N, C-alpha and C. Protein backbone atom coordinates (compact mmCIF):
# COMPACT_ATOMS: atom_id res chain seq x y z
N MET A 1 1.84 4.84 48.31
CA MET A 1 1.04 4.95 49.50
C MET A 1 1.24 6.34 50.11
N SER A 2 0.17 7.00 50.37
CA SER A 2 0.30 8.35 50.93
C SER A 2 0.53 8.28 52.44
N ARG A 3 1.19 9.29 52.92
CA ARG A 3 1.43 9.39 54.35
C ARG A 3 0.54 10.47 54.92
N GLU A 4 0.00 10.19 56.05
CA GLU A 4 -0.83 11.16 56.74
C GLU A 4 -0.11 11.55 58.03
N ILE A 5 0.02 12.84 58.25
CA ILE A 5 0.66 13.31 59.47
C ILE A 5 -0.40 13.35 60.57
N THR A 6 -0.10 12.69 61.65
CA THR A 6 -1.03 12.62 62.77
C THR A 6 -0.39 13.30 63.97
N ARG A 7 -1.15 14.20 64.59
CA ARG A 7 -0.66 14.86 65.80
C ARG A 7 -1.38 14.26 67.00
N ILE A 8 -0.61 13.87 67.97
CA ILE A 8 -1.17 13.32 69.20
C ILE A 8 -0.74 14.25 70.33
N GLN A 9 -1.71 14.75 71.08
CA GLN A 9 -1.39 15.62 72.19
C GLN A 9 -1.45 14.82 73.48
N LEU A 10 -0.42 14.96 74.29
CA LEU A 10 -0.35 14.27 75.57
C LEU A 10 -0.43 15.31 76.69
N PHE A 11 -1.23 15.04 77.68
CA PHE A 11 -1.42 15.97 78.78
C PHE A 11 -0.81 15.40 80.05
N ASP A 12 -0.06 16.22 80.75
CA ASP A 12 0.51 15.83 82.04
C ASP A 12 -0.30 16.55 83.10
N GLN A 13 -0.93 15.81 83.99
CA GLN A 13 -1.80 16.41 85.00
C GLN A 13 -1.05 17.35 85.94
N ARG A 14 0.24 17.12 86.13
CA ARG A 14 1.01 17.94 87.06
C ARG A 14 1.65 19.14 86.39
N SER A 15 1.48 19.28 85.09
CA SER A 15 2.14 20.36 84.37
C SER A 15 1.14 21.01 83.42
N PRO A 16 1.18 22.33 83.29
CA PRO A 16 0.24 23.00 82.39
C PRO A 16 0.60 22.87 80.91
N THR A 17 1.73 22.25 80.62
CA THR A 17 2.17 22.17 79.22
C THR A 17 1.53 20.99 78.51
N ILE A 18 1.35 21.15 77.23
CA ILE A 18 0.82 20.09 76.38
C ILE A 18 1.96 19.64 75.47
N LYS A 19 2.20 18.37 75.45
CA LYS A 19 3.23 17.81 74.57
C LYS A 19 2.55 17.36 73.29
N SER A 20 2.99 17.88 72.17
CA SER A 20 2.46 17.44 70.88
C SER A 20 3.51 16.60 70.19
N VAL A 21 3.10 15.45 69.73
CA VAL A 21 4.00 14.53 69.05
C VAL A 21 3.42 14.28 67.66
N TYR A 22 4.27 14.38 66.65
CA TYR A 22 3.81 14.19 65.28
C TYR A 22 4.35 12.89 64.72
N PHE A 23 3.51 12.16 64.03
CA PHE A 23 3.88 10.89 63.43
C PHE A 23 3.43 10.87 61.98
N ALA A 24 4.23 10.27 61.13
CA ALA A 24 3.82 10.02 59.75
C ALA A 24 3.40 8.56 59.67
N ILE A 25 2.13 8.36 59.42
CA ILE A 25 1.58 7.01 59.37
C ILE A 25 1.22 6.69 57.92
N LYS A 26 1.77 5.60 57.40
CA LYS A 26 1.50 5.23 56.00
C LYS A 26 0.04 4.90 55.79
N GLN A 27 -0.48 4.03 56.57
CA GLN A 27 -1.89 3.66 56.47
C GLN A 27 -2.55 3.97 57.81
N PRO A 28 -3.20 5.11 57.90
CA PRO A 28 -3.79 5.46 59.19
C PRO A 28 -4.91 4.47 59.57
N ASP A 29 -4.62 3.64 60.52
CA ASP A 29 -5.62 2.70 61.00
C ASP A 29 -5.51 2.62 62.52
N LEU A 30 -6.42 1.94 63.12
CA LEU A 30 -6.50 1.90 64.58
C LEU A 30 -5.24 1.28 65.19
N GLU A 31 -4.73 0.22 64.62
CA GLU A 31 -3.56 -0.45 65.18
C GLU A 31 -2.33 0.48 65.18
N ALA A 32 -2.12 1.21 64.09
CA ALA A 32 -0.99 2.14 64.02
C ALA A 32 -1.17 3.27 65.02
N LEU A 33 -2.40 3.77 65.15
CA LEU A 33 -2.67 4.86 66.09
C LEU A 33 -2.40 4.43 67.53
N ILE A 34 -2.82 3.23 67.88
CA ILE A 34 -2.57 2.72 69.23
C ILE A 34 -1.08 2.57 69.47
N ALA A 35 -0.35 2.04 68.51
CA ALA A 35 1.09 1.84 68.66
C ALA A 35 1.81 3.17 68.84
N THR A 36 1.49 4.16 68.02
CA THR A 36 2.19 5.45 68.11
C THR A 36 1.81 6.18 69.38
N THR A 37 0.56 6.05 69.82
CA THR A 37 0.15 6.68 71.08
C THR A 37 0.89 6.06 72.25
N THR A 38 1.06 4.74 72.21
CA THR A 38 1.78 4.05 73.28
C THR A 38 3.23 4.51 73.34
N VAL A 39 3.88 4.63 72.20
CA VAL A 39 5.27 5.09 72.15
C VAL A 39 5.37 6.53 72.67
N ALA A 40 4.46 7.40 72.23
CA ALA A 40 4.50 8.80 72.66
C ALA A 40 4.28 8.91 74.16
N ALA A 41 3.34 8.15 74.70
CA ALA A 41 3.07 8.19 76.14
C ALA A 41 4.29 7.70 76.92
N HIS A 42 4.95 6.67 76.43
CA HIS A 42 6.15 6.15 77.09
C HIS A 42 7.26 7.20 77.08
N GLN A 43 7.45 7.88 75.95
CA GLN A 43 8.49 8.90 75.86
C GLN A 43 8.21 10.05 76.83
N LEU A 44 6.95 10.46 76.94
CA LEU A 44 6.59 11.53 77.86
C LEU A 44 6.83 11.08 79.31
N MET A 45 6.42 9.86 79.63
CA MET A 45 6.59 9.35 80.98
C MET A 45 8.08 9.28 81.34
N MET A 46 8.92 8.81 80.42
CA MET A 46 10.35 8.73 80.69
C MET A 46 10.96 10.12 80.87
N SER A 47 10.50 11.09 80.11
CA SER A 47 10.98 12.47 80.24
C SER A 47 10.63 13.02 81.62
N ILE A 48 9.41 12.78 82.07
CA ILE A 48 8.98 13.25 83.39
C ILE A 48 9.80 12.58 84.48
N LEU A 49 10.00 11.27 84.35
CA LEU A 49 10.77 10.54 85.36
C LEU A 49 12.22 11.01 85.41
N ARG A 50 12.83 11.30 84.25
CA ARG A 50 14.21 11.80 84.22
C ARG A 50 14.30 13.15 84.94
N LYS A 51 13.35 14.04 84.66
CA LYS A 51 13.35 15.35 85.31
C LYS A 51 13.17 15.21 86.82
N ARG A 52 12.27 14.34 87.21
CA ARG A 52 12.00 14.12 88.63
C ARG A 52 13.23 13.53 89.32
N TYR A 53 13.91 12.58 88.65
CA TYR A 53 15.11 11.96 89.20
C TYR A 53 16.20 13.00 89.40
N LYS A 54 16.41 13.86 88.38
CA LYS A 54 17.43 14.91 88.48
C LYS A 54 17.10 15.86 89.61
N ARG A 55 15.81 16.24 89.74
CA ARG A 55 15.39 17.15 90.80
C ARG A 55 15.61 16.50 92.17
N ASP A 56 15.24 15.22 92.30
CA ASP A 56 15.40 14.52 93.57
C ASP A 56 16.87 14.37 93.94
N ARG A 57 17.72 14.08 92.95
CA ARG A 57 19.16 13.95 93.22
C ARG A 57 19.73 15.29 93.66
N LYS A 58 19.30 16.37 93.02
CA LYS A 58 19.79 17.69 93.37
C LYS A 58 19.34 18.05 94.79
N GLY A 59 18.09 17.73 95.13
CA GLY A 59 17.57 18.00 96.47
C GLY A 59 18.31 17.20 97.53
N ALA A 60 18.63 15.95 97.23
CA ALA A 60 19.36 15.10 98.18
C ALA A 60 20.77 15.64 98.41
N ALA A 61 21.36 16.17 97.35
CA ALA A 61 22.71 16.72 97.48
C ALA A 61 22.70 17.98 98.33
N LEU A 62 21.57 18.69 98.32
CA LEU A 62 21.47 19.93 99.10
C LEU A 62 20.93 19.68 100.51
N GLY A 63 20.68 18.40 100.86
CA GLY A 63 20.21 18.07 102.20
C GLY A 63 18.71 18.17 102.36
N ASP A 64 17.96 18.17 101.28
CA ASP A 64 16.51 18.22 101.33
C ASP A 64 16.00 16.83 101.69
N THR A 65 15.34 16.72 102.85
CA THR A 65 14.88 15.40 103.28
C THR A 65 13.38 15.24 103.20
N ASP A 66 12.63 16.31 102.97
CA ASP A 66 11.16 16.17 102.94
C ASP A 66 10.65 15.83 101.55
N GLY A 67 11.50 15.84 100.52
CA GLY A 67 11.11 15.44 99.19
C GLY A 67 10.31 16.46 98.42
N SER A 68 10.17 17.66 98.93
CA SER A 68 9.39 18.67 98.20
C SER A 68 10.26 19.56 97.37
């Protein structure tokens, strides 16, 4: 069975960067594409939340109360 490399680009509205995620799919079909897109979107969301959490914790430690 051949593998097809699929690139999925994820866009974050708050950031100008584009996240590209590559997957090797044995049988490229709609179900596999939906599953890999869901995983990639979750990974991007968790990355954004981790960065935001670290930023918010750092701001709180410095006495930043307005959240900006």
